[in-house]
mmCIF file of all heavy atoms, coordinates in Angstrom:
data_MODEL
# 
_entry.id   MODEL 
# 
loop_
_atom_site.group_PDB 
_atom_site.id 
_atom_site.type_symbol 
_atom_site.label_atom_id 
_atom_site.label_alt_id 
_atom_site.label_comp_id 
_atom_site.label_asym_id 
_atom_site.label_entity_id 
_atom_site.label_seq_id 
_atom_site.pdbx_PDB_ins_code 
_atom_site.Cartn_x 
_atom_site.Cartn_y 
_atom_site.Cartn_z 
_atom_site.occupancy 
_atom_site.B_iso_or_equiv 
_atom_site.pdbx_formal_charge 
_atom_site.auth_seq_id 
_atom_site.auth_comp_id 
_atom_site.auth_asym_id 
_atom_site.auth_atom_id 
_atom_site.pdbx_PDB_model_num 
ATOM 1   N N   . SER A 1 1  ? 12.199  -12.215 -10.207 1.00 0.00 ? 1  SER A N   1 
ATOM 2   C CA  . SER A 1 1  ? 13.127  -11.575 -9.270  1.00 0.00 ? 1  SER A CA  1 
ATOM 3   C C   . SER A 1 1  ? 12.602  -11.631 -7.847  1.00 0.00 ? 1  SER A C   1 
ATOM 4   O O   . SER A 1 1  ? 12.582  -10.632 -7.121  1.00 0.00 ? 1  SER A O   1 
ATOM 5   C CB  . SER A 1 1  ? 13.387  -10.131 -9.698  1.00 0.00 ? 1  SER A CB  1 
ATOM 6   O OG  . SER A 1 1  ? 13.927  -10.068 -10.997 1.00 0.00 ? 1  SER A OG  1 
ATOM 7   N N   . LEU A 1 2  ? 12.198  -12.799 -7.437  1.00 0.00 ? 2  LEU A N   1 
ATOM 8   C CA  . LEU A 1 2  ? 11.588  -12.958 -6.124  1.00 0.00 ? 2  LEU A CA  1 
ATOM 9   C C   . LEU A 1 2  ? 12.587  -12.703 -5.010  1.00 0.00 ? 2  LEU A C   1 
ATOM 10  O O   . LEU A 1 2  ? 13.774  -13.023 -5.124  1.00 0.00 ? 2  LEU A O   1 
ATOM 11  C CB  . LEU A 1 2  ? 10.992  -14.354 -5.993  1.00 0.00 ? 2  LEU A CB  1 
ATOM 12  C CG  . LEU A 1 2  ? 9.680   -14.552 -6.755  1.00 0.00 ? 2  LEU A CG  1 
ATOM 13  C CD1 . LEU A 1 2  ? 9.355   -16.027 -6.889  1.00 0.00 ? 2  LEU A CD1 1 
ATOM 14  C CD2 . LEU A 1 2  ? 8.542   -13.824 -6.046  1.00 0.00 ? 2  LEU A CD2 1 
ATOM 15  N N   . LYS A 1 3  ? 12.076  -12.129 -3.941  1.00 0.00 ? 3  LYS A N   1 
ATOM 16  C CA  . LYS A 1 3  ? 12.861  -11.786 -2.774  1.00 0.00 ? 3  LYS A CA  1 
ATOM 17  C C   . LYS A 1 3  ? 12.310  -12.528 -1.561  1.00 0.00 ? 3  LYS A C   1 
ATOM 18  O O   . LYS A 1 3  ? 11.143  -12.911 -1.550  1.00 0.00 ? 3  LYS A O   1 
ATOM 19  C CB  . LYS A 1 3  ? 12.804  -10.274 -2.516  1.00 0.00 ? 3  LYS A CB  1 
ATOM 20  C CG  . LYS A 1 3  ? 13.165  -9.417  -3.711  1.00 0.00 ? 3  LYS A CG  1 
ATOM 21  C CD  . LYS A 1 3  ? 12.890  -7.949  -3.419  1.00 0.00 ? 3  LYS A CD  1 
ATOM 22  C CE  . LYS A 1 3  ? 13.178  -7.084  -4.624  1.00 0.00 ? 3  LYS A CE  1 
ATOM 23  N NZ  . LYS A 1 3  ? 12.869  -5.657  -4.361  1.00 0.00 ? 3  LYS A NZ  1 
ATOM 24  N N   . PRO A 1 4  ? 13.127  -12.717 -0.530  1.00 0.00 ? 4  PRO A N   1 
ATOM 25  C CA  . PRO A 1 4  ? 12.600  -13.341 0.682   1.00 0.00 ? 4  PRO A CA  1 
ATOM 26  C C   . PRO A 1 4  ? 11.384  -12.611 1.243   1.00 0.00 ? 4  PRO A C   1 
ATOM 27  O O   . PRO A 1 4  ? 10.499  -13.249 1.821   1.00 0.00 ? 4  PRO A O   1 
ATOM 28  C CB  . PRO A 1 4  ? 13.787  -13.278 1.651   1.00 0.00 ? 4  PRO A CB  1 
ATOM 29  C CG  . PRO A 1 4  ? 14.982  -13.321 0.754   1.00 0.00 ? 4  PRO A CG  1 
ATOM 30  C CD  . PRO A 1 4  ? 14.585  -12.522 -0.465  1.00 0.00 ? 4  PRO A CD  1 
ATOM 31  N N   . GLY A 1 5  ? 11.319  -11.296 1.063   1.00 0.00 ? 5  GLY A N   1 
ATOM 32  C CA  . GLY A 1 5  ? 10.175  -10.530 1.519   1.00 0.00 ? 5  GLY A CA  1 
ATOM 33  C C   . GLY A 1 5  ? 8.887   -10.842 0.791   1.00 0.00 ? 5  GLY A C   1 
ATOM 34  O O   . GLY A 1 5  ? 7.811   -10.426 1.242   1.00 0.00 ? 5  GLY A O   1 
ATOM 35  N N   . ASP A 1 6  ? 8.962   -11.559 -0.322  1.00 0.00 ? 6  ASP A N   1 
ATOM 36  C CA  . ASP A 1 6  ? 7.765   -11.970 -1.042  1.00 0.00 ? 6  ASP A CA  1 
ATOM 37  C C   . ASP A 1 6  ? 7.126   -13.220 -0.445  1.00 0.00 ? 6  ASP A C   1 
ATOM 38  O O   . ASP A 1 6  ? 6.059   -13.631 -0.896  1.00 0.00 ? 6  ASP A O   1 
ATOM 39  C CB  . ASP A 1 6  ? 8.094   -12.229 -2.510  1.00 0.00 ? 6  ASP A CB  1 
ATOM 40  C CG  . ASP A 1 6  ? 8.546   -10.975 -3.234  1.00 0.00 ? 6  ASP A CG  1 
ATOM 41  O OD1 . ASP A 1 6  ? 7.958   -9.903  -2.993  1.00 0.00 ? 6  ASP A OD1 1 
ATOM 42  O OD2 . ASP A 1 6  ? 9.492   -11.071 -4.051  1.00 0.00 ? 6  ASP A OD2 1 
ATOM 43  N N   . THR A 1 7  ? 7.768   -13.829 0.524   1.00 0.00 ? 7  THR A N   1 
ATOM 44  C CA  . THR A 1 7  ? 7.232   -15.026 1.154   1.00 0.00 ? 7  THR A CA  1 
ATOM 45  C C   . THR A 1 7  ? 5.896   -14.723 1.816   1.00 0.00 ? 7  THR A C   1 
ATOM 46  O O   . THR A 1 7  ? 5.792   -13.825 2.651   1.00 0.00 ? 7  THR A O   1 
ATOM 47  C CB  . THR A 1 7  ? 8.219   -15.576 2.187   1.00 0.00 ? 7  THR A CB  1 
ATOM 48  O OG1 . THR A 1 7  ? 9.419   -15.993 1.527   1.00 0.00 ? 7  THR A OG1 1 
ATOM 49  C CG2 . THR A 1 7  ? 7.624   -16.763 2.927   1.00 0.00 ? 7  THR A CG2 1 
ATOM 50  N N   . ALA A 1 8  ? 4.873   -15.457 1.426   1.00 0.00 ? 8  ALA A N   1 
ATOM 51  C CA  . ALA A 1 8  ? 3.525   -15.231 1.938   1.00 0.00 ? 8  ALA A CA  1 
ATOM 52  C C   . ALA A 1 8  ? 2.600   -16.279 1.346   1.00 0.00 ? 8  ALA A C   1 
ATOM 53  O O   . ALA A 1 8  ? 2.972   -17.017 0.429   1.00 0.00 ? 8  ALA A O   1 
ATOM 54  C CB  . ALA A 1 8  ? 3.027   -13.829 1.575   1.00 0.00 ? 8  ALA A CB  1 
ATOM 55  N N   . VAL A 1 9  ? 1.388   -16.316 1.874   1.00 0.00 ? 9  VAL A N   1 
ATOM 56  C CA  . VAL A 1 9  ? 0.315   -17.047 1.219   1.00 0.00 ? 9  VAL A CA  1 
ATOM 57  C C   . VAL A 1 9  ? -0.330  -16.103 0.219   1.00 0.00 ? 9  VAL A C   1 
ATOM 58  O O   . VAL A 1 9  ? -0.731  -14.992 0.576   1.00 0.00 ? 9  VAL A O   1 
ATOM 59  C CB  . VAL A 1 9  ? -0.719  -17.563 2.225   1.00 0.00 ? 9  VAL A CB  1 
ATOM 60  C CG1 . VAL A 1 9  ? -1.869  -18.257 1.498   1.00 0.00 ? 9  VAL A CG1 1 
ATOM 61  C CG2 . VAL A 1 9  ? -0.070  -18.524 3.210   1.00 0.00 ? 9  VAL A CG2 1 
ATOM 62  N N   . TYR A 1 10 ? -0.436  -16.532 -1.009  1.00 0.00 ? 10 TYR A N   1 
ATOM 63  C CA  . TYR A 1 10 ? -1.005  -15.718 -2.063  1.00 0.00 ? 10 TYR A CA  1 
ATOM 64  C C   . TYR A 1 10 ? -2.431  -16.172 -2.347  1.00 0.00 ? 10 TYR A C   1 
ATOM 65  O O   . TYR A 1 10 ? -2.691  -17.358 -2.557  1.00 0.00 ? 10 TYR A O   1 
ATOM 66  C CB  . TYR A 1 10 ? -0.153  -15.806 -3.330  1.00 0.00 ? 10 TYR A CB  1 
ATOM 67  C CG  . TYR A 1 10 ? 1.101   -14.978 -3.244  1.00 0.00 ? 10 TYR A CG  1 
ATOM 68  C CD1 . TYR A 1 10 ? 2.146   -15.369 -2.412  1.00 0.00 ? 10 TYR A CD1 1 
ATOM 69  C CD2 . TYR A 1 10 ? 1.239   -13.800 -3.966  1.00 0.00 ? 10 TYR A CD2 1 
ATOM 70  C CE1 . TYR A 1 10 ? 3.294   -14.607 -2.299  1.00 0.00 ? 10 TYR A CE1 1 
ATOM 71  C CE2 . TYR A 1 10 ? 2.388   -13.031 -3.868  1.00 0.00 ? 10 TYR A CE2 1 
ATOM 72  C CZ  . TYR A 1 10 ? 3.411   -13.443 -3.029  1.00 0.00 ? 10 TYR A CZ  1 
ATOM 73  O OH  . TYR A 1 10 ? 4.548   -12.679 -2.930  1.00 0.00 ? 10 TYR A OH  1 
ATOM 74  N N   . TYR A 1 11 ? -3.341  -15.205 -2.342  1.00 0.00 ? 11 TYR A N   1 
ATOM 75  C CA  . TYR A 1 11 ? -4.757  -15.473 -2.516  1.00 0.00 ? 11 TYR A CA  1 
ATOM 76  C C   . TYR A 1 11 ? -5.274  -14.853 -3.805  1.00 0.00 ? 11 TYR A C   1 
ATOM 77  O O   . TYR A 1 11 ? -4.902  -13.738 -4.160  1.00 0.00 ? 11 TYR A O   1 
ATOM 78  C CB  . TYR A 1 11 ? -5.574  -14.891 -1.359  1.00 0.00 ? 11 TYR A CB  1 
ATOM 79  C CG  . TYR A 1 11 ? -5.284  -15.506 -0.018  1.00 0.00 ? 11 TYR A CG  1 
ATOM 80  C CD1 . TYR A 1 11 ? -4.328  -14.962 0.825   1.00 0.00 ? 11 TYR A CD1 1 
ATOM 81  C CD2 . TYR A 1 11 ? -5.989  -16.628 0.413   1.00 0.00 ? 11 TYR A CD2 1 
ATOM 82  C CE1 . TYR A 1 11 ? -4.063  -15.515 2.064   1.00 0.00 ? 11 TYR A CE1 1 
ATOM 83  C CE2 . TYR A 1 11 ? -5.739  -17.185 1.647   1.00 0.00 ? 11 TYR A CE2 1 
ATOM 84  C CZ  . TYR A 1 11 ? -4.772  -16.622 2.475   1.00 0.00 ? 11 TYR A CZ  1 
ATOM 85  O OH  . TYR A 1 11 ? -4.523  -17.170 3.702   1.00 0.00 ? 11 TYR A OH  1 
ATOM 86  N N   . CYS A 1 12 ? -6.152  -15.559 -4.456  1.00 0.00 ? 12 CYS A N   1 
ATOM 87  C CA  . CYS A 1 12 ? -6.891  -15.057 -5.592  1.00 0.00 ? 12 CYS A CA  1 
ATOM 88  C C   . CYS A 1 12 ? -8.270  -14.602 -5.130  1.00 0.00 ? 12 CYS A C   1 
ATOM 89  O O   . CYS A 1 12 ? -8.878  -15.236 -4.265  1.00 0.00 ? 12 CYS A O   1 
ATOM 90  C CB  . CYS A 1 12 ? -7.015  -16.159 -6.653  1.00 0.00 ? 12 CYS A CB  1 
ATOM 91  S SG  . CYS A 1 12 ? -7.959  -15.709 -8.113  1.00 0.00 ? 12 CYS A SG  1 
ATOM 92  N N   . ALA A 1 13 ? -8.761  -13.506 -5.689  1.00 0.00 ? 13 ALA A N   1 
ATOM 93  C CA  . ALA A 1 13 ? -10.053 -12.959 -5.308  1.00 0.00 ? 13 ALA A CA  1 
ATOM 94  C C   . ALA A 1 13 ? -10.806 -12.483 -6.537  1.00 0.00 ? 13 ALA A C   1 
ATOM 95  O O   . ALA A 1 13 ? -10.201 -12.123 -7.551  1.00 0.00 ? 13 ALA A O   1 
ATOM 96  C CB  . ALA A 1 13 ? -9.871  -11.801 -4.324  1.00 0.00 ? 13 ALA A CB  1 
ATOM 97  N N   . ALA A 1 14 ? -12.134 -12.468 -6.441  1.00 0.00 ? 14 ALA A N   1 
ATOM 98  C CA  . ALA A 1 14 ? -12.994 -12.061 -7.547  1.00 0.00 ? 14 ALA A CA  1 
ATOM 99  C C   . ALA A 1 14 ? -14.044 -11.065 -7.076  1.00 0.00 ? 14 ALA A C   1 
ATOM 100 O O   . ALA A 1 14 ? -14.640 -11.240 -6.014  1.00 0.00 ? 14 ALA A O   1 
ATOM 101 C CB  . ALA A 1 14 ? -13.675 -13.268 -8.183  1.00 0.00 ? 14 ALA A CB  1 
ATOM 102 N N   . ARG A 1 15 ? -14.242 -10.042 -7.870  1.00 0.00 ? 15 ARG A N   1 
ATOM 103 C CA  . ARG A 1 15 ? -15.335 -9.090  -7.705  1.00 0.00 ? 15 ARG A CA  1 
ATOM 104 C C   . ARG A 1 15 ? -16.325 -9.337  -8.825  1.00 0.00 ? 15 ARG A C   1 
ATOM 105 O O   . ARG A 1 15 ? -15.944 -9.336  -9.996  1.00 0.00 ? 15 ARG A O   1 
ATOM 106 C CB  . ARG A 1 15 ? -14.824 -7.650  -7.751  1.00 0.00 ? 15 ARG A CB  1 
ATOM 107 C CG  . ARG A 1 15 ? -15.908 -6.594  -7.816  1.00 0.00 ? 15 ARG A CG  1 
ATOM 108 C CD  . ARG A 1 15 ? -16.555 -6.373  -6.470  1.00 0.00 ? 15 ARG A CD  1 
ATOM 109 N NE  . ARG A 1 15 ? -17.650 -5.433  -6.558  1.00 0.00 ? 15 ARG A NE  1 
ATOM 110 C CZ  . ARG A 1 15 ? -18.307 -4.947  -5.514  1.00 0.00 ? 15 ARG A CZ  1 
ATOM 111 N NH1 . ARG A 1 15 ? -17.946 -5.309  -4.283  1.00 0.00 ? 15 ARG A NH1 1 
ATOM 112 N NH2 . ARG A 1 15 ? -19.313 -4.111  -5.692  1.00 0.00 ? 15 ARG A NH2 1 
ATOM 113 N N   . LEU A 1 16 ? -17.600 -9.499  -8.501  1.00 0.00 ? 16 LEU A N   1 
ATOM 114 C CA  . LEU A 1 16 ? -18.572 -9.867  -9.507  1.00 0.00 ? 16 LEU A CA  1 
ATOM 115 C C   . LEU A 1 16 ? -19.079 -8.689  -10.326 1.00 0.00 ? 16 LEU A C   1 
ATOM 116 O O   . LEU A 1 16 ? -19.271 -8.817  -11.530 1.00 0.00 ? 16 LEU A O   1 
ATOM 117 C CB  . LEU A 1 16 ? -19.759 -10.583 -8.871  1.00 0.00 ? 16 LEU A CB  1 
ATOM 118 C CG  . LEU A 1 16 ? -19.482 -11.965 -8.294  1.00 0.00 ? 16 LEU A CG  1 
ATOM 119 C CD1 . LEU A 1 16 ? -20.790 -12.623 -7.891  1.00 0.00 ? 16 LEU A CD1 1 
ATOM 120 C CD2 . LEU A 1 16 ? -18.732 -12.833 -9.284  1.00 0.00 ? 16 LEU A CD2 1 
ATOM 121 N N   . TYR A 1 17 ? -19.286 -7.547  -9.721  1.00 0.00 ? 17 TYR A N   1 
ATOM 122 C CA  . TYR A 1 17 ? -19.867 -6.410  -10.416 1.00 0.00 ? 17 TYR A CA  1 
ATOM 123 C C   . TYR A 1 17 ? -19.025 -5.169  -10.214 1.00 0.00 ? 17 TYR A C   1 
ATOM 124 O O   . TYR A 1 17 ? -18.160 -5.119  -9.353  1.00 0.00 ? 17 TYR A O   1 
ATOM 125 C CB  . TYR A 1 17 ? -21.306 -6.179  -9.955  1.00 0.00 ? 17 TYR A CB  1 
ATOM 126 C CG  . TYR A 1 17 ? -22.217 -7.320  -10.317 1.00 0.00 ? 17 TYR A CG  1 
ATOM 127 C CD1 . TYR A 1 17 ? -22.602 -8.250  -9.366  1.00 0.00 ? 17 TYR A CD1 1 
ATOM 128 C CD2 . TYR A 1 17 ? -22.675 -7.479  -11.624 1.00 0.00 ? 17 TYR A CD2 1 
ATOM 129 C CE1 . TYR A 1 17 ? -23.424 -9.307  -9.698  1.00 0.00 ? 17 TYR A CE1 1 
ATOM 130 C CE2 . TYR A 1 17 ? -23.494 -8.542  -11.964 1.00 0.00 ? 17 TYR A CE2 1 
ATOM 131 C CZ  . TYR A 1 17 ? -23.859 -9.447  -10.993 1.00 0.00 ? 17 TYR A CZ  1 
ATOM 132 O OH  . TYR A 1 17 ? -24.674 -10.504 -11.333 1.00 0.00 ? 17 TYR A OH  1 
ATOM 133 N N   . SER A 1 18 ? -19.333 -4.155  -11.037 1.00 0.00 ? 18 SER A N   1 
ATOM 134 C CA  . SER A 1 18 ? -18.522 -2.950  -11.118 1.00 0.00 ? 18 SER A CA  1 
ATOM 135 C C   . SER A 1 18 ? -18.278 -2.321  -9.747  1.00 0.00 ? 18 SER A C   1 
ATOM 136 O O   . SER A 1 18 ? -19.196 -2.156  -8.950  1.00 0.00 ? 18 SER A O   1 
ATOM 137 C CB  . SER A 1 18 ? -19.182 -1.937  -12.049 1.00 0.00 ? 18 SER A CB  1 
ATOM 138 O OG  . SER A 1 18 ? -18.444 -0.741  -12.123 1.00 0.00 ? 18 SER A OG  1 
ATOM 139 N N   . GLU A 1 19 ? -17.022 -1.968  -9.496  1.00 0.00 ? 19 GLU A N   1 
ATOM 140 C CA  . GLU A 1 19 ? -16.596 -1.321  -8.272  1.00 0.00 ? 19 GLU A CA  1 
ATOM 141 C C   . GLU A 1 19 ? -15.285 -0.614  -8.569  1.00 0.00 ? 19 GLU A C   1 
ATOM 142 O O   . GLU A 1 19 ? -14.395 -1.184  -9.201  1.00 0.00 ? 19 GLU A O   1 
ATOM 143 C CB  . GLU A 1 19 ? -16.432 -2.348  -7.152  1.00 0.00 ? 19 GLU A CB  1 
ATOM 144 C CG  . GLU A 1 19 ? -15.713 -1.833  -5.920  1.00 0.00 ? 19 GLU A CG  1 
ATOM 145 C CD  . GLU A 1 19 ? -16.432 -0.661  -5.289  1.00 0.00 ? 19 GLU A CD  1 
ATOM 146 O OE1 . GLU A 1 19 ? -17.640 -0.790  -4.999  1.00 0.00 ? 19 GLU A OE1 1 
ATOM 147 O OE2 . GLU A 1 19 ? -15.797 0.391   -5.093  1.00 0.00 ? 19 GLU A OE2 1 
ATOM 148 N N   . SER A 1 20 ? -15.163 0.610   -8.091  1.00 0.00 ? 20 SER A N   1 
ATOM 149 C CA  . SER A 1 20 ? -13.977 1.401   -8.400  1.00 0.00 ? 20 SER A CA  1 
ATOM 150 C C   . SER A 1 20 ? -12.765 1.005   -7.568  1.00 0.00 ? 20 SER A C   1 
ATOM 151 O O   . SER A 1 20 ? -11.632 1.187   -7.998  1.00 0.00 ? 20 SER A O   1 
ATOM 152 C CB  . SER A 1 20 ? -14.270 2.884   -8.205  1.00 0.00 ? 20 SER A CB  1 
ATOM 153 O OG  . SER A 1 20 ? -14.666 3.158   -6.878  1.00 0.00 ? 20 SER A OG  1 
ATOM 154 N N   . ASP A 1 21 ? -12.991 0.470   -6.392  1.00 0.00 ? 21 ASP A N   1 
ATOM 155 C CA  . ASP A 1 21 ? -11.901 0.108   -5.502  1.00 0.00 ? 21 ASP A CA  1 
ATOM 156 C C   . ASP A 1 21 ? -11.374 -1.282  -5.841  1.00 0.00 ? 21 ASP A C   1 
ATOM 157 O O   . ASP A 1 21 ? -12.156 -2.214  -6.048  1.00 0.00 ? 21 ASP A O   1 
ATOM 158 C CB  . ASP A 1 21 ? -12.361 0.160   -4.049  1.00 0.00 ? 21 ASP A CB  1 
ATOM 159 C CG  . ASP A 1 21 ? -11.242 -0.130  -3.075  1.00 0.00 ? 21 ASP A CG  1 
ATOM 160 O OD1 . ASP A 1 21 ? -10.066 0.118   -3.408  1.00 0.00 ? 21 ASP A OD1 1 
ATOM 161 O OD2 . ASP A 1 21 ? -11.537 -0.600  -1.958  1.00 0.00 ? 21 ASP A OD2 1 
ATOM 162 N N   . TYR A 1 22 ? -10.063 -1.417  -5.878  1.00 0.00 ? 22 TYR A N   1 
ATOM 163 C CA  . TYR A 1 22 ? -9.454  -2.710  -6.158  1.00 0.00 ? 22 TYR A CA  1 
ATOM 164 C C   . TYR A 1 22 ? -8.362  -3.073  -5.162  1.00 0.00 ? 22 TYR A C   1 
ATOM 165 O O   . TYR A 1 22 ? -7.768  -4.146  -5.264  1.00 0.00 ? 22 TYR A O   1 
ATOM 166 C CB  . TYR A 1 22 ? -8.869  -2.737  -7.577  1.00 0.00 ? 22 TYR A CB  1 
ATOM 167 C CG  . TYR A 1 22 ? -7.892  -1.626  -7.866  1.00 0.00 ? 22 TYR A CG  1 
ATOM 168 C CD1 . TYR A 1 22 ? -6.561  -1.733  -7.519  1.00 0.00 ? 22 TYR A CD1 1 
ATOM 169 C CD2 . TYR A 1 22 ? -8.319  -0.464  -8.502  1.00 0.00 ? 22 TYR A CD2 1 
ATOM 170 C CE1 . TYR A 1 22 ? -5.669  -0.706  -7.785  1.00 0.00 ? 22 TYR A CE1 1 
ATOM 171 C CE2 . TYR A 1 22 ? -7.435  0.563   -8.774  1.00 0.00 ? 22 TYR A CE2 1 
ATOM 172 C CZ  . TYR A 1 22 ? -6.109  0.441   -8.413  1.00 0.00 ? 22 TYR A CZ  1 
ATOM 173 O OH  . TYR A 1 22 ? -5.223  1.457   -8.679  1.00 0.00 ? 22 TYR A OH  1 
ATOM 174 N N   . VAL A 1 23 ? -8.090  -2.196  -4.209  1.00 0.00 ? 23 VAL A N   1 
ATOM 175 C CA  . VAL A 1 23 ? -6.985  -2.391  -3.277  1.00 0.00 ? 23 VAL A CA  1 
ATOM 176 C C   . VAL A 1 23 ? -7.428  -3.082  -1.989  1.00 0.00 ? 23 VAL A C   1 
ATOM 177 O O   . VAL A 1 23 ? -6.719  -3.940  -1.462  1.00 0.00 ? 23 VAL A O   1 
ATOM 178 C CB  . VAL A 1 23 ? -6.313  -1.045  -2.955  1.00 0.00 ? 23 VAL A CB  1 
ATOM 179 C CG1 . VAL A 1 23 ? -5.248  -1.205  -1.873  1.00 0.00 ? 23 VAL A CG1 1 
ATOM 180 C CG2 . VAL A 1 23 ? -5.697  -0.448  -4.214  1.00 0.00 ? 23 VAL A CG2 1 
ATOM 181 N N   . ARG A 1 24 ? -8.572  -2.713  -1.485  1.00 0.00 ? 24 ARG A N   1 
ATOM 182 C CA  . ARG A 1 24 ? -9.039  -3.265  -0.222  1.00 0.00 ? 24 ARG A CA  1 
ATOM 183 C C   . ARG A 1 24 ? -9.605  -4.668  -0.418  1.00 0.00 ? 24 ARG A C   1 
ATOM 184 O O   . ARG A 1 24 ? -10.345 -4.916  -1.360  1.00 0.00 ? 24 ARG A O   1 
ATOM 185 C CB  . ARG A 1 24 ? -10.099 -2.367  0.400   1.00 0.00 ? 24 ARG A CB  1 
ATOM 186 C CG  . ARG A 1 24 ? -9.588  -1.006  0.833   1.00 0.00 ? 24 ARG A CG  1 
ATOM 187 C CD  . ARG A 1 24 ? -10.695 -0.214  1.495   1.00 0.00 ? 24 ARG A CD  1 
ATOM 188 N NE  . ARG A 1 24 ? -11.788 0.051   0.577   1.00 0.00 ? 24 ARG A NE  1 
ATOM 189 C CZ  . ARG A 1 24 ? -12.950 0.591   0.935   1.00 0.00 ? 24 ARG A CZ  1 
ATOM 190 N NH1 . ARG A 1 24 ? -13.166 0.915   2.206   1.00 0.00 ? 24 ARG A NH1 1 
ATOM 191 N NH2 . ARG A 1 24 ? -13.882 0.806   0.027   1.00 0.00 ? 24 ARG A NH2 1 
ATOM 192 N N   . PRO A 1 25 ? -9.277  -5.589  0.474   1.00 0.00 ? 25 PRO A N   1 
ATOM 193 C CA  . PRO A 1 25 ? -9.878  -6.929  0.383   1.00 0.00 ? 25 PRO A CA  1 
ATOM 194 C C   . PRO A 1 25 ? -11.395 -6.922  0.409   1.00 0.00 ? 25 PRO A C   1 
ATOM 195 O O   . PRO A 1 25 ? -12.024 -7.796  -0.203  1.00 0.00 ? 25 PRO A O   1 
ATOM 196 C CB  . PRO A 1 25 ? -9.299  -7.644  1.617   1.00 0.00 ? 25 PRO A CB  1 
ATOM 197 C CG  . PRO A 1 25 ? -8.005  -6.945  1.886   1.00 0.00 ? 25 PRO A CG  1 
ATOM 198 C CD  . PRO A 1 25 ? -8.267  -5.500  1.536   1.00 0.00 ? 25 PRO A CD  1 
ATOM 199 N N   . SER A 1 26 ? -11.991 -5.940  1.093   1.00 0.00 ? 26 SER A N   1 
ATOM 200 C CA  . SER A 1 26 ? -13.442 -5.876  1.177   1.00 0.00 ? 26 SER A CA  1 
ATOM 201 C C   . SER A 1 26 ? -14.103 -5.582  -0.159  1.00 0.00 ? 26 SER A C   1 
ATOM 202 O O   . SER A 1 26 ? -15.322 -5.730  -0.283  1.00 0.00 ? 26 SER A O   1 
ATOM 203 C CB  . SER A 1 26 ? -13.870 -4.815  2.201   1.00 0.00 ? 26 SER A CB  1 
ATOM 204 O OG  . SER A 1 26 ? -13.394 -3.529  1.829   1.00 0.00 ? 26 SER A OG  1 
ATOM 205 N N   . ALA A 1 27 ? -13.338 -5.172  -1.160  1.00 0.00 ? 27 ALA A N   1 
ATOM 206 C CA  . ALA A 1 27 ? -13.883 -4.897  -2.482  1.00 0.00 ? 27 ALA A CA  1 
ATOM 207 C C   . ALA A 1 27 ? -14.128 -6.165  -3.287  1.00 0.00 ? 27 ALA A C   1 
ATOM 208 O O   . ALA A 1 27 ? -14.662 -6.076  -4.395  1.00 0.00 ? 27 ALA A O   1 
ATOM 209 C CB  . ALA A 1 27 ? -12.946 -3.971  -3.253  1.00 0.00 ? 27 ALA A CB  1 
ATOM 210 N N   . TYR A 1 28 ? -13.759 -7.302  -2.768  1.00 0.00 ? 28 TYR A N   1 
ATOM 211 C CA  . TYR A 1 28 ? -13.887 -8.563  -3.484  1.00 0.00 ? 28 TYR A CA  1 
ATOM 212 C C   . TYR A 1 28 ? -14.904 -9.476  -2.808  1.00 0.00 ? 28 TYR A C   1 
ATOM 213 O O   . TYR A 1 28 ? -15.067 -9.448  -1.584  1.00 0.00 ? 28 TYR A O   1 
ATOM 214 C CB  . TYR A 1 28 ? -12.528 -9.258  -3.592  1.00 0.00 ? 28 TYR A CB  1 
ATOM 215 C CG  . TYR A 1 28 ? -11.557 -8.451  -4.411  1.00 0.00 ? 28 TYR A CG  1 
ATOM 216 C CD1 . TYR A 1 28 ? -10.851 -7.400  -3.844  1.00 0.00 ? 28 TYR A CD1 1 
ATOM 217 C CD2 . TYR A 1 28 ? -11.376 -8.721  -5.764  1.00 0.00 ? 28 TYR A CD2 1 
ATOM 218 C CE1 . TYR A 1 28 ? -9.979  -6.635  -4.611  1.00 0.00 ? 28 TYR A CE1 1 
ATOM 219 C CE2 . TYR A 1 28 ? -10.507 -7.964  -6.526  1.00 0.00 ? 28 TYR A CE2 1 
ATOM 220 C CZ  . TYR A 1 28 ? -9.812  -6.921  -5.945  1.00 0.00 ? 28 TYR A CZ  1 
ATOM 221 O OH  . TYR A 1 28 ? -8.952  -6.166  -6.711  1.00 0.00 ? 28 TYR A OH  1 
ATOM 222 N N   . ASP A 1 29 ? -15.570 -10.271 -3.625  1.00 0.00 ? 29 ASP A N   1 
ATOM 223 C CA  . ASP A 1 29 ? -16.682 -11.082 -3.154  1.00 0.00 ? 29 ASP A CA  1 
ATOM 224 C C   . ASP A 1 29 ? -16.312 -12.527 -2.843  1.00 0.00 ? 29 ASP A C   1 
ATOM 225 O O   . ASP A 1 29 ? -16.927 -13.142 -1.970  1.00 0.00 ? 29 ASP A O   1 
ATOM 226 C CB  . ASP A 1 29 ? -17.803 -11.070 -4.202  1.00 0.00 ? 29 ASP A CB  1 
ATOM 227 C CG  . ASP A 1 29 ? -18.312 -9.670  -4.483  1.00 0.00 ? 29 ASP A CG  1 
ATOM 228 O OD1 . ASP A 1 29 ? -18.846 -9.044  -3.553  1.00 0.00 ? 29 ASP A OD1 1 
ATOM 229 O OD2 . ASP A 1 29 ? -18.184 -9.216  -5.646  1.00 0.00 ? 29 ASP A OD2 1 
# 
């Protein structure tokens, strides 16, 4: 159900070790 507002560059990210935060980009390595 994609919308025009979904238009963007989509990035994949990985966190290597335990961390409670998952929303901020800085939480990923």
